[in-house]
N, C-alpha and C. Protein backbone atom coordinates (compact mmCIF):
# COMPACT_ATOMS: atom_id res chain seq x y z
N UNK A 1 150.08 -129.45 65.24
CA UNK A 1 150.73 -130.09 64.60
C UNK A 1 151.04 -129.28 63.47
N UNK A 2 150.09 -129.09 62.59
CA UNK A 2 149.96 -128.37 61.79
C UNK A 2 149.50 -126.51 61.39
N UNK A 3 149.74 -126.28 62.56
CA UNK A 3 149.57 -124.50 62.87
C UNK A 3 148.02 -124.29 62.72
N UNK A 4 147.37 -125.27 62.18
CA UNK A 4 145.87 -125.55 62.29
C UNK A 4 144.63 -124.59 63.37
N UNK A 5 144.51 -123.54 63.11
CA UNK A 5 143.30 -123.11 64.04
C UNK A 5 141.96 -123.32 64.19
N UNK A 6 141.57 -123.92 65.78
CA UNK A 6 140.55 -124.64 65.33
C UNK A 6 139.78 -123.13 66.87
N UNK A 7 138.61 -123.26 66.31
CA UNK A 7 137.59 -122.56 67.47
C UNK A 7 136.35 -123.44 67.68
N UNK A 8 136.35 -123.42 69.28
CA UNK A 8 134.86 -124.54 69.63
C UNK A 8 133.84 -123.30 70.04
N UNK A 9 132.81 -123.45 69.78
CA UNK A 9 131.75 -122.26 70.57
C UNK A 9 130.33 -123.07 70.90
N UNK A 10 129.65 -122.45 71.27
CA UNK A 10 127.67 -122.89 71.02
C UNK A 10 127.33 -122.43 70.62
N UNK A 11 126.33 -121.97 69.85
CA UNK A 11 125.11 -121.45 68.52
C UNK A 11 123.99 -121.22 70.30
N UNK A 12 124.18 -120.73 69.92
CA UNK A 12 123.30 -119.77 70.91
C UNK A 12 121.53 -119.84 70.54
N UNK A 13 121.52 -119.90 69.68
CA UNK A 13 120.27 -120.26 68.81
C UNK A 13 119.82 -121.43 68.57
N UNK A 14 120.45 -122.70 68.87
CA UNK A 14 120.33 -123.64 68.48
C UNK A 14 120.99 -124.99 70.05
N UNK A 15 121.77 -123.80 70.73
CA UNK A 15 122.51 -124.57 71.74
C UNK A 15 123.07 -125.51 71.05
N UNK A 16 123.82 -125.62 70.09
CA UNK A 16 124.60 -126.96 69.16
C UNK A 16 126.27 -126.52 69.53
N UNK A 17 127.12 -127.64 69.84
CA UNK A 17 128.45 -127.30 70.20
C UNK A 17 128.78 -127.55 69.06
N UNK A 18 129.70 -126.37 68.41
CA UNK A 18 130.45 -126.63 67.23
C UNK A 18 131.74 -126.55 66.87
N UNK A 19 132.79 -126.49 66.15
CA UNK A 19 133.69 -126.51 65.92
C UNK A 19 134.34 -126.31 64.56
N UNK A 20 135.13 -124.61 64.41
CA UNK A 20 136.03 -124.93 63.19
C UNK A 20 137.17 -124.92 63.16
N UNK A 21 137.59 -124.25 61.64
CA UNK A 21 139.20 -124.87 61.76
C UNK A 21 139.03 -123.65 60.44
N UNK A 22 140.71 -122.76 60.46
CA UNK A 22 140.57 -121.82 59.50
C UNK A 22 141.30 -122.65 58.24
N UNK A 23 140.76 -122.82 57.25
CA UNK A 23 141.43 -123.56 56.03
C UNK A 23 141.46 -122.07 54.63
N UNK A 24 142.38 -122.24 54.25
CA UNK A 24 142.36 -121.65 53.06
C UNK A 24 142.44 -120.00 53.82
N UNK A 25 142.35 -119.63 54.54
CA UNK A 25 141.88 -117.87 54.83
C UNK A 25 140.38 -118.12 55.09
N UNK A 26 139.73 -119.43 55.37
CA UNK A 26 137.95 -119.56 55.53
C UNK A 26 138.09 -120.20 56.79
N UNK A 27 136.84 -120.10 57.76
CA UNK A 27 136.40 -120.83 58.71
C UNK A 27 135.43 -122.08 58.26
N UNK A 28 135.75 -123.00 58.34
CA UNK A 28 135.42 -124.55 58.06
C UNK A 28 134.62 -125.21 58.98
N UNK A 29 133.63 -126.11 59.09
CA UNK A 29 133.10 -126.65 60.27
C UNK A 29 133.62 -127.40 60.21
N UNK A 30 134.36 -128.70 61.58
CA UNK A 30 134.62 -129.48 61.45
C UNK A 30 133.83 -130.98 61.53
N UNK A 31 133.29 -131.15 60.94
CA UNK A 31 132.70 -132.21 60.86
C UNK A 31 131.04 -132.25 61.11
N UNK A 32 130.08 -132.95 61.92
CA UNK A 32 129.07 -132.22 62.26
C UNK A 32 128.89 -131.72 63.64
N UNK A 33 127.51 -131.21 64.51
CA UNK A 33 127.89 -130.90 65.38
C UNK A 33 128.38 -131.77 66.32
N UNK A 34 128.88 -131.57 67.71
CA UNK A 34 130.23 -132.45 68.04
C UNK A 34 128.91 -132.95 69.25
N UNK A 35 127.57 -131.84 69.64
CA UNK A 35 126.68 -131.98 70.19
C UNK A 35 125.68 -130.85 69.49
N UNK A 36 124.26 -131.58 70.08
CA UNK A 36 123.03 -130.71 70.00
C UNK A 36 122.34 -129.95 70.72
N UNK A 37 123.09 -130.62 72.24
CA UNK A 37 122.63 -129.36 73.16
C UNK A 37 123.93 -129.14 74.37
N UNK A 38 124.68 -128.18 74.14
CA UNK A 38 125.52 -128.02 74.75
C UNK A 38 125.51 -126.80 75.25
N UNK A 39 126.78 -126.64 76.29
CA UNK A 39 127.20 -125.18 76.20
C UNK A 39 128.76 -124.81 76.74
N UNK A 40 129.35 -124.11 77.88
CA UNK A 40 130.29 -123.73 78.00
C UNK A 40 131.62 -124.78 77.30
N UNK A 41 132.20 -124.29 76.50
CA UNK A 41 133.45 -125.16 75.99
C UNK A 41 134.95 -125.09 76.36
N UNK A 42 135.87 -125.63 76.01
CA UNK A 42 136.87 -125.79 76.19
C UNK A 42 137.33 -126.62 75.10
N UNK A 43 138.65 -126.08 74.74
CA UNK A 43 139.63 -126.96 73.36
C UNK A 43 140.80 -127.43 73.60
N UNK A 44 141.09 -128.24 72.82
CA UNK A 44 143.09 -128.64 73.21
C UNK A 44 143.28 -129.60 71.92
N UNK A 45 143.97 -129.46 71.27
CA UNK A 45 144.63 -130.61 70.40
C UNK A 45 145.50 -131.53 70.47
N UNK A 46 145.78 -132.38 70.72
CA UNK A 46 146.93 -133.11 71.13
C UNK A 46 147.99 -133.74 70.20
N UNK A 47 149.53 -134.30 70.44
CA UNK A 47 150.64 -134.10 69.75
C UNK A 47 150.37 -134.81 68.31
N UNK A 48 149.09 -135.51 68.08
CA UNK A 48 148.91 -136.03 66.73
C UNK A 48 147.77 -135.05 65.86
N UNK A 49 147.56 -134.26 66.86
CA UNK A 49 146.99 -133.45 65.37
C UNK A 49 145.38 -133.45 66.06
N UNK A 50 144.91 -133.98 66.74
CA UNK A 50 143.39 -134.53 67.16
C UNK A 50 143.17 -133.53 67.81
N UNK A 51 141.93 -132.97 67.68
CA UNK A 51 141.14 -132.03 68.02
C UNK A 51 140.76 -132.72 69.47
N UNK A 52 140.31 -132.10 70.66
CA UNK A 52 139.07 -132.51 71.67
C UNK A 52 138.92 -131.48 72.34
N UNK A 53 137.46 -131.57 72.57
CA UNK A 53 136.57 -130.26 72.82
C UNK A 53 135.77 -131.39 74.23
N UNK A 54 136.31 -129.85 75.53
CA UNK A 54 135.34 -130.51 76.56
C UNK A 54 133.92 -129.39 76.69
N UNK A 55 133.22 -129.53 76.92
CA UNK A 55 131.62 -128.70 77.19
C UNK A 55 130.65 -129.13 78.09
N UNK A 56 130.49 -128.82 78.85
CA UNK A 56 128.74 -128.83 79.57
C UNK A 56 127.65 -129.19 78.51
N UNK A 57 127.28 -130.03 79.39
CA UNK A 57 126.30 -130.88 78.14
C UNK A 57 124.28 -130.16 78.66
N UNK A 58 123.85 -129.69 78.37
CA UNK A 58 122.59 -128.54 77.95
C UNK A 58 120.97 -129.81 77.94
N UNK A 59 120.44 -129.62 78.91
CA UNK A 59 119.04 -130.38 78.79
C UNK A 59 117.95 -129.61 78.54
N UNK A 60 117.86 -128.74 77.97
CA UNK A 60 117.20 -127.58 77.83
C UNK A 60 116.34 -126.34 78.93
N UNK A 61 116.81 -126.88 79.98
CA UNK A 61 116.98 -125.76 81.10
C UNK A 61 117.84 -125.43 81.68
N UNK A 62 118.70 -126.41 81.98
CA UNK A 62 120.19 -126.11 82.62
C UNK A 62 121.36 -127.11 82.32
N UNK A 63 121.99 -126.19 82.83
CA UNK A 63 123.72 -127.25 82.30
C UNK A 63 123.98 -128.13 83.37
N UNK A 64 124.57 -129.02 82.66
CA UNK A 64 124.19 -130.35 84.08
C UNK A 64 126.14 -130.77 83.13
N UNK A 65 126.08 -132.14 83.26
CA UNK A 65 127.14 -132.76 82.90
C UNK A 65 127.95 -132.07 82.31
N UNK A 66 129.04 -132.86 81.89
CA UNK A 66 130.37 -132.80 81.01
C UNK A 66 130.64 -133.78 80.49
N UNK A 67 131.08 -133.41 79.28
CA UNK A 67 131.80 -134.61 78.51
C UNK A 67 132.88 -134.29 77.60
N UNK A 68 133.49 -135.14 77.15
CA UNK A 68 135.16 -134.81 76.49
C UNK A 68 134.71 -135.71 74.62
N UNK A 69 134.65 -135.10 73.98
CA UNK A 69 134.51 -135.95 72.16
C UNK A 69 135.80 -135.45 71.59
N UNK A 70 136.32 -136.23 71.13
CA UNK A 70 137.37 -135.55 70.03
C UNK A 70 137.23 -136.21 68.62
N UNK A 71 137.72 -135.39 67.56
CA UNK A 71 138.06 -136.10 66.13
C UNK A 71 137.88 -137.33 65.36
N UNK A 72 137.61 -138.22 64.63
CA UNK A 72 137.78 -138.86 64.27
C UNK A 72 138.91 -138.72 63.32
N UNK A 73 138.58 -137.70 62.18
CA UNK A 73 138.60 -137.82 60.94
C UNK A 73 137.53 -137.67 60.28
N UNK A 74 135.81 -138.35 60.82
CA UNK A 74 134.80 -137.89 60.33
C UNK A 74 133.39 -136.98 61.17
N UNK A 75 133.93 -137.48 62.64
CA UNK A 75 132.50 -137.78 63.71
C UNK A 75 133.46 -137.05 64.72
N UNK A 76 132.45 -137.02 65.33
CA UNK A 76 133.17 -136.32 67.28
C UNK A 76 132.59 -137.37 67.90
N UNK A 77 133.51 -138.33 68.89
CA UNK A 77 133.51 -139.45 69.33
C UNK A 77 133.79 -139.81 70.77
N UNK A 78 133.36 -139.60 71.85
CA UNK A 78 132.74 -139.56 72.97
C UNK A 78 134.14 -140.61 73.60
N UNK A 79 134.77 -139.42 74.76
CA UNK A 79 136.08 -139.82 75.34
C UNK A 79 135.68 -140.59 76.55
N UNK A 80 136.12 -141.55 77.28
CA UNK A 80 135.31 -141.43 78.17
C UNK A 80 134.05 -141.59 78.85
N UNK A 81 133.71 -141.64 80.18
CA UNK A 81 132.58 -141.63 80.83
C UNK A 81 131.78 -139.96 80.91
N UNK A 82 130.25 -140.20 80.66
CA UNK A 82 129.83 -138.61 81.21
C UNK A 82 130.56 -138.07 82.54
N UNK A 83 130.73 -136.80 82.81
CA UNK A 83 131.36 -136.52 84.25
C UNK A 83 130.33 -135.39 84.50
N UNK A 84 130.25 -135.80 86.19
CA UNK A 84 128.92 -135.21 86.38
C UNK A 84 129.39 -134.12 87.49
N UNK A 85 129.98 -132.79 86.80
CA UNK A 85 130.10 -132.03 88.03
C UNK A 85 128.77 -130.71 88.44
N UNK A 86 128.69 -129.86 88.75
CA UNK A 86 127.67 -128.77 88.67
C UNK A 86 127.58 -127.97 87.12
N UNK A 87 127.31 -126.74 86.62
CA UNK A 87 127.67 -126.49 85.46
C UNK A 87 128.96 -124.91 85.96
N UNK A 88 129.90 -124.96 85.18
CA UNK A 88 130.86 -123.59 85.70
C UNK A 88 131.66 -123.35 84.09
N UNK A 89 131.32 -122.11 84.33
CA UNK A 89 132.18 -121.47 83.06
C UNK A 89 133.90 -121.84 82.97
N UNK A 90 134.16 -122.58 84.32
CA UNK A 90 136.01 -122.59 84.47
C UNK A 90 136.22 -123.74 84.14
N UNK A 91 135.75 -124.89 82.92
CA UNK A 91 136.53 -125.62 83.02
C UNK A 91 137.68 -125.50 81.84
N UNK A 92 138.54 -126.93 81.64
CA UNK A 92 139.69 -126.98 80.74
C UNK A 92 139.89 -127.99 80.61
N UNK A 93 140.86 -128.34 78.94
CA UNK A 93 141.30 -129.28 78.87
C UNK A 93 142.55 -128.95 78.52
N UNK A 94 143.65 -130.06 78.58
CA UNK A 94 144.86 -129.67 78.33
C UNK A 94 145.65 -131.28 78.28
N UNK A 95 146.79 -131.38 77.72
CA UNK A 95 147.39 -132.61 77.74
C UNK A 95 148.58 -132.26 78.07
N UNK A 96 149.06 -133.86 78.90
CA UNK A 96 150.91 -133.94 79.94
C UNK A 96 151.25 -134.22 78.77
N UNK A 97 152.81 -134.18 79.10
CA UNK A 97 153.91 -133.82 78.09
C UNK A 97 154.03 -135.39 77.74
N UNK A 98 153.36 -136.41 78.10
CA UNK A 98 152.60 -137.93 77.65
C UNK A 98 151.32 -137.75 76.49
N UNK A 99 151.26 -136.39 76.69
CA UNK A 99 149.76 -137.04 75.11
C UNK A 99 148.79 -137.31 76.36
N UNK A 100 148.57 -137.33 77.34
CA UNK A 100 147.42 -137.96 78.32
C UNK A 100 146.45 -136.49 78.36
N UNK A 101 145.29 -136.95 77.96
CA UNK A 101 144.59 -135.64 77.95
C UNK A 101 144.49 -135.24 79.29
N UNK A 102 143.73 -134.04 80.34
CA UNK A 102 143.64 -133.90 81.59
C UNK A 102 142.25 -132.82 81.35
N UNK A 103 141.60 -132.54 82.26
CA UNK A 103 140.64 -131.52 82.31
C UNK A 103 140.26 -131.16 83.89
N UNK A 104 140.09 -129.84 83.97
CA UNK A 104 139.68 -129.51 85.58
C UNK A 104 138.35 -128.86 85.53
N UNK A 105 137.83 -129.16 86.61
CA UNK A 105 136.47 -129.00 86.38
C UNK A 105 135.66 -129.32 88.17
N UNK A 106 134.23 -128.76 88.30
CA UNK A 106 134.21 -128.89 89.93
C UNK A 106 133.10 -129.39 89.64
N UNK A 107 132.92 -130.26 90.66
CA UNK A 107 131.96 -131.81 90.88
C UNK A 107 130.98 -130.87 92.16
N UNK A 108 129.69 -131.07 91.76
CA UNK A 108 128.96 -130.60 92.57
C UNK A 108 128.62 -128.90 92.55
N UNK A 109 128.53 -128.74 94.09
CA UNK A 109 128.63 -127.42 94.73
C UNK A 109 129.95 -127.53 95.13
N UNK A 110 130.72 -128.70 95.03
CA UNK A 110 131.82 -128.64 95.96
C UNK A 110 132.84 -129.37 95.10
N UNK A 111 134.02 -129.76 95.40
CA UNK A 111 135.30 -130.28 95.18
C UNK A 111 135.90 -129.94 93.66
N UNK A 112 136.62 -128.52 93.66
CA UNK A 112 137.09 -128.08 91.91
C UNK A 112 138.33 -129.50 91.99
N UNK A 113 138.69 -129.96 90.83
CA UNK A 113 139.25 -131.16 90.53
C UNK A 113 140.02 -131.39 89.48
N UNK A 114 140.82 -131.88 88.94
CA UNK A 114 141.67 -132.25 87.96
C UNK A 114 141.16 -133.60 87.89
N UNK A 115 141.53 -134.09 86.58
CA UNK A 115 141.02 -135.21 86.11
C UNK A 115 142.04 -136.36 84.97
N UNK A 116 142.24 -137.08 84.63
CA UNK A 116 143.00 -137.64 83.60
C UNK A 116 142.07 -138.98 82.76
N UNK A 117 142.35 -139.15 81.73
CA UNK A 117 142.13 -140.10 80.92
C UNK A 117 142.43 -141.28 80.91
N UNK A 118 141.92 -142.18 81.65
CA UNK A 118 143.02 -143.70 81.45
C UNK A 118 142.81 -144.49 80.81
N UNK A 119 143.53 -143.84 79.45
CA UNK A 119 143.03 -144.79 78.51
C UNK A 119 143.10 -146.78 78.49
N UNK A 120 143.78 -147.07 79.76
CA UNK A 120 143.57 -148.63 79.97
C UNK A 120 142.25 -149.00 80.16
N UNK A 121 141.53 -148.24 81.15
CA UNK A 121 140.45 -148.63 81.68
C UNK A 121 138.98 -148.02 80.65
N UNK A 122 139.42 -146.77 80.09
CA UNK A 122 138.62 -146.20 79.43
C UNK A 122 137.16 -145.36 80.30
N UNK A 123 138.46 -144.49 81.72
CA UNK A 123 137.18 -143.61 82.45
C UNK A 123 138.28 -142.54 82.42
N UNK A 124 137.73 -141.43 83.17
CA UNK A 124 138.38 -140.28 83.75
C UNK A 124 138.71 -140.35 85.28
N UNK A 125 140.21 -140.34 85.50
CA UNK A 125 140.00 -140.33 86.99
C UNK A 125 140.57 -139.35 87.66
N UNK A 126 140.47 -139.32 88.59
CA UNK A 126 141.06 -138.16 89.78
C UNK A 126 142.65 -138.01 89.84
N UNK A 127 143.42 -137.20 90.05
CA UNK A 127 144.38 -136.38 90.19
C UNK A 127 144.65 -136.40 91.35
N UNK A 128 145.42 -137.21 92.23
CA UNK A 128 145.50 -136.76 93.64
C UNK A 128 143.56 -136.94 93.98
N UNK A 129 143.44 -135.99 94.81
CA UNK A 129 142.34 -136.05 95.71
C UNK A 129 141.55 -133.94 95.15
N UNK A 130 140.96 -133.16 95.57
CA UNK A 130 140.51 -132.04 95.37
C UNK A 130 141.64 -130.51 95.55
N UNK A 131 141.06 -129.98 94.15
CA UNK A 131 142.08 -129.24 95.01
C UNK A 131 141.80 -127.80 95.63
N UNK A 132 140.22 -127.63 95.81
CA UNK A 132 140.07 -126.97 96.69
C UNK A 132 138.49 -127.26 97.21
N UNK A 133 137.47 -127.37 97.93
CA UNK A 133 136.63 -126.95 98.68
C UNK A 133 135.64 -126.70 97.69
N UNK A 134 135.79 -125.61 97.06
CA UNK A 134 134.77 -124.73 96.38
C UNK A 134 135.56 -124.00 95.85
N UNK A 135 136.02 -124.37 94.37
CA UNK A 135 136.60 -123.70 93.19
C UNK A 135 136.23 -123.51 92.05
N UNK A 136 136.32 -121.91 91.37
CA UNK A 136 135.67 -121.75 90.33
C UNK A 136 136.63 -121.21 89.37
N UNK A 137 136.36 -120.54 87.78
CA UNK A 137 137.68 -120.56 86.66
C UNK A 137 139.00 -121.61 87.14
N UNK A 138 138.99 -122.54 86.72
CA UNK A 138 139.57 -123.29 86.42
C UNK A 138 140.59 -123.17 85.27
N UNK A 139 141.95 -123.67 85.84
CA UNK A 139 142.66 -123.63 84.18
C UNK A 139 144.00 -124.44 84.57
N UNK A 140 144.80 -124.75 83.87
CA UNK A 140 145.79 -125.99 84.15
C UNK A 140 146.89 -125.96 83.13
N UNK A 141 147.55 -126.18 83.41
CA UNK A 141 148.85 -126.30 82.34
C UNK A 141 150.07 -127.59 83.10
N UNK A 142 150.91 -127.96 82.24
CA UNK A 142 151.98 -128.87 82.76
C UNK A 142 153.66 -128.39 82.25
N UNK A 143 154.20 -128.64 83.46
CA UNK A 143 155.84 -128.20 83.68
C UNK A 143 156.51 -129.15 83.09
N UNK A 144 158.04 -128.57 82.45
CA UNK A 144 159.11 -129.68 82.18
C UNK A 144 158.94 -131.01 82.02
N UNK A 145 158.84 -131.18 84.03
CA UNK A 145 159.05 -131.86 84.65
C UNK A 145 157.46 -133.13 84.49
N UNK A 146 156.69 -132.31 83.66
CA UNK A 146 155.33 -133.23 83.27
C UNK A 146 154.28 -133.24 84.70
N UNK A 147 154.77 -131.99 85.86
CA UNK A 147 154.20 -132.00 87.07
C UNK A 147 152.72 -130.65 86.64
N UNK A 148 151.23 -131.22 86.55
CA UNK A 148 150.39 -130.98 86.44
C UNK A 148 150.50 -129.62 87.43
N UNK A 149 149.82 -128.30 87.05
CA UNK A 149 149.66 -127.41 87.82
C UNK A 149 147.89 -126.46 87.89
N UNK A 150 147.47 -126.32 88.39
CA UNK A 150 146.32 -125.46 87.96
C UNK A 150 145.88 -124.40 89.08
N UNK A 151 144.76 -123.72 88.00
CA UNK A 151 144.78 -122.31 89.23
C UNK A 151 143.30 -122.55 88.89
N UNK A 152 142.62 -121.61 90.20
CA UNK A 152 141.29 -121.35 90.78
C UNK A 152 141.33 -120.45 91.52
N UNK A 153 140.11 -120.24 91.46
CA UNK A 153 139.74 -119.02 92.56
C UNK A 153 139.01 -119.40 93.72
N UNK A 154 139.07 -119.50 94.81
CA UNK A 154 138.58 -120.49 96.31
C UNK A 154 137.09 -119.25 96.80
N UNK A 155 135.93 -119.52 96.49
CA UNK A 155 134.84 -119.40 96.24
C UNK A 155 134.55 -119.02 98.07
N UNK A 156 135.38 -119.91 98.96
CA UNK A 156 135.30 -119.74 100.15
C UNK A 156 136.01 -118.95 100.82
N UNK A 157 136.99 -118.59 100.12
CA UNK A 157 137.92 -117.49 100.66
C UNK A 157 138.15 -116.17 99.63
N UNK A 158 137.13 -115.50 99.79
CA UNK A 158 137.08 -114.12 99.36
C UNK A 158 137.35 -113.92 97.73
N UNK A 159 136.88 -115.26 97.03
CA UNK A 159 137.24 -115.53 95.11
C UNK A 159 138.58 -114.88 95.43
N UNK A 160 139.75 -115.73 95.72
CA UNK A 160 141.00 -115.23 95.92
C UNK A 160 141.81 -116.30 95.03
N UNK A 161 142.31 -116.06 94.23
CA UNK A 161 142.69 -116.64 93.07
C UNK A 161 144.58 -117.28 94.03
N UNK A 162 144.18 -119.23 93.85
CA UNK A 162 145.21 -119.51 93.98
C UNK A 162 146.38 -120.45 92.14
N UNK A 163 147.56 -121.11 92.85
CA UNK A 163 148.45 -121.56 91.52
C UNK A 163 148.49 -123.05 92.98
N UNK A 164 148.15 -124.27 92.68
CA UNK A 164 148.44 -125.12 92.86
C UNK A 164 149.45 -126.26 92.31
N UNK A 165 150.28 -127.33 92.53
CA UNK A 165 150.73 -127.88 91.80
C UNK A 165 151.00 -129.31 92.69
N UNK A 166 150.66 -130.29 91.76
CA UNK A 166 150.41 -131.87 92.03
C UNK A 166 151.72 -132.62 92.17
N UNK A 167 152.24 -132.87 92.97
CA UNK A 167 153.89 -133.56 93.24
C UNK A 167 153.94 -133.86 94.79
N UNK A 168 154.77 -135.49 94.66
CA UNK A 168 154.44 -136.42 95.74
C UNK A 168 153.16 -136.59 96.33
N UNK A 169 152.02 -136.63 95.49
CA UNK A 169 150.84 -137.28 95.85
C UNK A 169 149.77 -136.17 96.72
N UNK A 170 150.37 -135.08 96.36
CA UNK A 170 149.61 -133.86 97.12
C UNK A 170 149.40 -132.76 96.23
N UNK A 171 148.38 -131.93 96.63
CA UNK A 171 148.07 -130.61 95.68
C UNK A 171 149.01 -129.54 96.91
N UNK A 172 149.58 -128.60 95.99
CA UNK A 172 150.48 -127.68 97.71
C UNK A 172 150.34 -126.50 96.35
N UNK A 173 150.55 -125.53 97.87
CA UNK A 173 150.02 -123.77 96.55
C UNK A 173 151.53 -123.78 96.20
N UNK A 174 151.73 -123.12 95.27
CA UNK A 174 152.63 -122.52 94.87
C UNK A 174 152.83 -121.03 95.13
N UNK A 175 153.76 -120.91 95.55
CA UNK A 175 154.30 -119.57 95.66
C UNK A 175 154.01 -119.28 97.31
N UNK A 176 153.44 -120.38 98.29
CA UNK A 176 152.85 -120.11 99.34
C UNK A 176 151.95 -118.83 100.08
N UNK A 177 151.44 -118.48 98.69
CA UNK A 177 149.87 -117.65 99.21
C UNK A 177 149.37 -117.66 97.79
N UNK A 178 148.27 -116.59 98.35
CA UNK A 178 147.23 -116.46 96.83
C UNK A 178 147.98 -115.77 95.53
N UNK A 179 147.92 -115.55 94.47
CA UNK A 179 148.34 -114.77 93.70
C UNK A 179 148.06 -113.66 93.88
N UNK A 180 147.06 -113.29 94.42
CA UNK A 180 146.13 -111.91 93.88
C UNK A 180 145.10 -111.88 95.34
N UNK A 181 144.91 -111.08 96.01
CA UNK A 181 144.76 -110.60 97.42
C UNK A 181 143.26 -110.06 97.30
N UNK A 182 143.07 -109.25 96.54
CA UNK A 182 141.42 -108.34 96.31
C UNK A 182 140.56 -108.75 96.41
N UNK A 183 140.59 -110.02 95.99
CA UNK A 183 138.90 -110.74 96.61
C UNK A 183 138.10 -110.23 94.99
N UNK A 184 138.95 -110.13 93.94
CA UNK A 184 137.78 -109.45 92.97
C UNK A 184 137.23 -110.19 92.36
N UNK A 185 136.58 -110.95 91.86
CA UNK A 185 136.40 -111.89 91.27
C UNK A 185 136.39 -111.98 89.42
N UNK A 186 136.93 -112.62 89.39
CA UNK A 186 137.55 -112.63 87.46
C UNK A 186 138.12 -114.15 87.14
N UNK A 187 138.00 -113.88 85.73
CA UNK A 187 138.44 -114.92 84.73
C UNK A 187 139.91 -115.58 84.75
N UNK A 188 140.48 -115.91 85.70
CA UNK A 188 142.04 -115.55 85.47
C UNK A 188 142.65 -117.10 84.86
N UNK A 189 143.33 -116.68 84.14
CA UNK A 189 144.53 -117.58 83.29
C UNK A 189 145.81 -117.62 83.49
N UNK A 190 146.76 -118.66 83.16
CA UNK A 190 148.10 -119.05 83.00
C UNK A 190 148.32 -119.63 81.96
N UNK A 191 149.41 -120.05 82.37
CA UNK A 191 150.60 -120.26 81.20
C UNK A 191 151.98 -120.50 81.72
N UNK A 192 152.71 -121.73 80.87
CA UNK A 192 153.99 -122.04 81.53
C UNK A 192 154.76 -121.67 80.42
N UNK A 193 156.10 -121.45 80.81
CA UNK A 193 157.00 -121.19 79.93
C UNK A 193 158.32 -121.91 80.27
N UNK A 194 158.14 -123.39 79.56
CA UNK A 194 159.07 -124.36 79.70
C UNK A 194 159.78 -125.05 78.68
N UNK A 195 160.77 -125.06 78.96
CA UNK A 195 162.02 -125.62 78.07
C UNK A 195 161.57 -127.28 77.82
N UNK A 196 161.20 -127.03 76.77
CA UNK A 196 160.88 -128.84 76.04
C UNK A 196 162.15 -129.61 75.81
N UNK A 197 163.37 -129.26 76.04
CA UNK A 197 164.46 -129.72 75.67
C UNK A 197 165.46 -130.61 76.63
N UNK A 198 165.65 -131.57 76.68
CA UNK A 198 166.35 -132.10 78.53
C UNK A 198 167.35 -131.71 78.53
N UNK A 199 168.27 -131.97 79.07
CA UNK A 199 169.54 -131.58 79.51
C UNK A 199 170.82 -132.28 79.09
N UNK A 200 169.83 -133.82 78.67
CA UNK A 200 171.11 -134.40 78.02
C UNK A 200 171.17 -134.05 76.61
N UNK A 201 169.84 -132.99 75.89
CA UNK A 201 170.32 -132.39 74.40
C UNK A 201 171.55 -131.88 74.82
N UNK A 202 171.17 -130.71 75.65
CA UNK A 202 172.05 -129.59 75.72
C UNK A 202 173.55 -129.72 75.79
N UNK A 203 173.79 -130.99 77.03
CA UNK A 203 175.36 -131.60 77.33
C UNK A 203 175.34 -131.63 75.65
N UNK A 204 174.75 -132.60 74.88
CA UNK A 204 175.71 -132.77 73.65
C UNK A 204 175.73 -131.90 72.89
N UNK A 205 174.73 -131.05 72.84
CA UNK A 205 174.83 -129.60 71.84
C UNK A 205 176.05 -128.92 72.43
N UNK A 206 176.31 -128.58 73.45
CA UNK A 206 177.62 -128.08 73.46
C UNK A 206 178.86 -128.46 73.52
N UNK A 207 178.62 -129.70 73.37
CA UNK A 207 180.21 -130.44 73.12
C UNK A 207 180.51 -130.45 71.01
N UNK A 208 179.52 -129.73 70.29
CA UNK A 208 179.70 -129.67 69.17
C UNK A 208 180.68 -128.84 68.83
N UNK A 209 180.89 -127.60 69.75
CA UNK A 209 182.44 -127.14 68.98
C UNK A 209 183.30 -127.87 69.23
N UNK A 210 183.66 -128.80 70.16
CA UNK A 210 184.59 -129.43 70.67
C UNK A 210 185.03 -130.33 69.51
N UNK A 211 183.96 -130.86 69.21
CA UNK A 211 183.96 -132.08 68.47
C UNK A 211 184.19 -131.05 66.41
N UNK A 212 183.69 -130.10 66.27
CA UNK A 212 185.01 -129.98 65.11
C UNK A 212 185.96 -129.65 65.19
N UNK A 213 186.55 -129.10 66.26
CA UNK A 213 187.66 -128.67 66.07
C UNK A 213 188.34 -129.79 66.66
N UNK A 214 188.60 -130.90 67.10
CA UNK A 214 189.35 -131.71 66.82
C UNK A 214 188.71 -132.51 65.17
N UNK A 215 187.67 -131.99 64.68
CA UNK A 215 188.43 -132.66 63.09
C UNK A 215 188.75 -132.08 62.45
N UNK A 216 188.87 -130.53 63.20
CA UNK A 216 189.71 -129.66 61.80
C UNK A 216 191.03 -130.10 62.31
N UNK A 217 191.65 -130.09 63.82
CA UNK A 217 192.42 -130.46 63.74
C UNK A 217 193.64 -131.48 63.18
N UNK A 218 192.62 -132.66 62.74
CA UNK A 218 192.84 -133.80 62.92
C UNK A 218 193.14 -133.65 61.23
N UNK A 219 192.25 -132.66 60.45
CA UNK A 219 192.34 -132.92 58.75
C UNK A 219 193.99 -132.30 58.62
N UNK A 220 194.37 -131.36 59.60
CA UNK A 220 195.28 -130.36 59.04
C UNK A 220 196.69 -131.18 58.94
N UNK A 221 196.20 -131.69 60.46
CA UNK A 221 197.66 -132.73 60.83
C UNK A 221 198.19 -134.07 59.90
N UNK A 222 196.91 -134.44 59.59
CA UNK A 222 196.75 -135.41 58.56
C UNK A 222 196.27 -135.56 57.60
N UNK A 223 196.65 -134.15 56.40
CA UNK A 223 195.59 -133.79 55.62
C UNK A 223 196.21 -134.68 54.88
N UNK A 224 195.07 -135.30 53.37
CA UNK A 224 195.18 -136.18 52.41
C UNK A 224 196.39 -135.83 51.72
N UNK A 225 197.10 -136.66 51.05
CA UNK A 225 198.17 -136.10 50.07
C UNK A 225 196.89 -136.33 48.81
């Protein structure tokens, strides 16, 4: 909203999850610690400029559940329930075109999935069913039609990356095949170049020259005395 730059990270010396923002050329911490025991992080900012952080909870010996928190202006407050997938570095959080938060993660050792925050119930619910039986390195985005897309590495298929789109209540492979068949495990990512303006906007925009011409002709013909 204000071109504010944020960065979430885990301080490995203390295991605290922290967020900093750039203010007047200097990095300043945003509130207190997001959590005092955490690990992998992902972050996004909603349309109102509110930062959200997705991170793995660390119990002192192992990385376990996931949690989402948002900054309320003073403190970091929990959003929805604790989510219980296995530890994974390939987590991602973002917002659809209606400003609804979504996450992608892996549940247990199986079931790579996308979830959205149901504001009416206060819980994270599944988007359709699983993306893959076992997926890693998860990323997501939304196109101009507000259709969710997710990219993942299929662990059971030589670590080959796929992109899937959720449409008509089904996750379908985009492009009909994998993105890359090399089978080299890597942390993939992707983005969508989408048009934020509707077709109605461009129809009206294209009529502006005609309207201006009519005004000019009207002015010439009926020039005030």
